[in-house]
């Protein structure tokens, strides 16, 4: 059986993926490489970068109601919505590659 290119699968090191049954199954798969990632890796998750950017944009405001907070968050999210360069930059910080559709 030819494996060109070999399949790759990334998974966490959670308990179900360390069982003898799973390990045996992986070993039998000739075209499968498993890369174990940390359980929590925010630096690899672009959404974490977006949340970080958003939080930096809403600190140090004196808000008197939930409605004020909602308006501020919506305003900040709208700012990033119309700045694809900012979104691309946040993804670039993860080291992941974004390809246009």
Protein backbone atom coordinates (compact mmCIF):
# COMPACT_ATOMS: atom_id res chain seq x y z
CA UNK A 1 0.00 0.00 0.00
CA UNK A 2 1.39 3.37 -1.01
CA UNK A 3 1.03 6.36 1.28
CA UNK A 4 1.75 9.52 -0.66
CA UNK A 5 1.55 11.85 1.14
CA UNK A 6 1.18 10.21 4.54
CA UNK A 7 -1.87 11.21 6.53
CA UNK A 8 -1.31 13.22 9.67
CA UNK A 9 -3.57 13.54 12.65
CA UNK A 10 -3.12 15.90 15.56
CA UNK A 11 -4.70 15.10 18.88
CA UNK A 12 -4.44 16.01 22.51
CA UNK A 13 -2.83 13.81 25.09
CA UNK A 14 -6.18 13.18 26.75
CA UNK A 15 -6.74 9.80 28.38
CA UNK A 16 -8.78 8.12 25.59
CA UNK A 17 -5.92 8.69 23.17
CA UNK A 18 -3.36 6.99 25.39
CA UNK A 19 -5.18 3.69 25.91
CA UNK A 20 -3.50 0.46 24.77
CA UNK A 21 -6.33 -0.12 22.29
CA UNK A 22 -5.82 3.26 20.65
CA UNK A 23 -2.04 2.93 20.62
CA UNK A 24 -2.29 -0.51 19.01
CA UNK A 25 -4.73 0.78 16.43
CA UNK A 26 -2.41 3.68 15.53
CA UNK A 27 0.55 1.32 15.17
CA UNK A 28 -1.42 -0.78 12.66
CA UNK A 29 -2.19 2.24 10.47
CA UNK A 30 0.63 2.39 7.95
CA UNK A 31 -0.30 5.84 6.63
CA UNK A 32 -0.99 7.60 9.88
CA UNK A 33 1.26 9.74 11.99
CA UNK A 34 -0.06 11.05 15.29
CA UNK A 35 1.24 14.29 16.72
CA UNK A 36 0.32 14.82 20.34
CA UNK A 37 -0.41 18.41 21.23
CA UNK A 38 -0.62 19.92 24.69
CA UNK A 39 -4.04 19.80 26.35
CA UNK A 40 -4.25 23.58 26.29
CA UNK A 41 -2.25 25.53 23.72
CA UNK A 42 -3.72 29.04 23.39
CA UNK A 43 -0.76 30.17 21.31
CA UNK A 44 -1.94 27.76 18.59
CA UNK A 45 -5.55 28.95 18.73
CA UNK A 46 -6.23 32.10 16.72
CA UNK A 47 -9.48 32.70 18.61
CA UNK A 48 -7.45 33.20 21.79
CA UNK A 49 -5.55 35.98 20.02
CA UNK A 50 -8.84 37.62 19.00
CA UNK A 51 -10.14 37.47 22.58
CA UNK A 52 -6.87 38.94 23.84
CA UNK A 53 -7.12 41.78 21.32
CA UNK A 54 -10.75 42.40 22.30
CA UNK A 55 -10.00 42.43 26.03
CA UNK A 56 -7.21 44.97 25.55
CA UNK A 57 -9.72 47.20 23.75
CA UNK A 58 -12.32 47.23 26.51
CA UNK A 59 -10.29 47.68 29.68
CA UNK A 60 -10.16 50.93 31.64
CA UNK A 61 -13.65 52.06 30.71
CA UNK A 62 -16.16 53.16 33.32
CA UNK A 63 -19.32 51.40 32.26
CA UNK A 64 -22.56 51.90 34.13
CA UNK A 65 -24.63 49.09 32.64
CA UNK A 66 -24.57 45.82 30.75
CA UNK A 67 -25.95 47.72 27.77
CA UNK A 68 -22.87 49.98 27.81
CA UNK A 69 -20.61 46.92 27.91
CA UNK A 70 -22.50 45.31 25.04
CA UNK A 71 -22.22 48.49 22.95
CA UNK A 72 -18.47 48.71 23.61
CA UNK A 73 -17.85 45.06 22.73
CA UNK A 74 -19.92 45.35 19.56
CA UNK A 75 -18.00 48.48 18.59
CA UNK A 76 -14.63 46.76 19.08
CA UNK A 77 -15.72 43.65 17.18
CA UNK A 78 -17.00 45.81 14.34
CA UNK A 79 -13.57 47.49 14.17
CA UNK A 80 -11.82 44.18 13.63
CA UNK A 81 -14.52 42.95 11.24
CA UNK A 82 -13.55 45.59 8.71
CA UNK A 83 -9.80 45.11 9.13
CA UNK A 84 -8.79 41.85 7.46
CA UNK A 85 -5.15 42.81 7.96
CA UNK A 86 -5.69 42.72 11.73
CA UNK A 87 -7.32 39.30 11.56
CA UNK A 88 -4.54 37.99 9.33
CA UNK A 89 -2.02 39.39 11.80
CA UNK A 90 -3.69 37.62 14.70
CA UNK A 91 -3.56 34.34 12.80
CA UNK A 92 0.07 34.97 11.85
CA UNK A 93 0.94 35.21 15.54
CA UNK A 94 -0.10 31.56 15.90
CA UNK A 95 2.35 30.44 13.23
CA UNK A 96 -0.54 28.88 11.31
CA UNK A 97 -0.89 29.49 7.58
CA UNK A 98 -4.07 31.04 6.22
CA UNK A 99 -4.92 30.30 2.61
CA UNK A 100 -7.68 32.23 0.86
CA UNK A 101 -10.67 30.11 -0.20
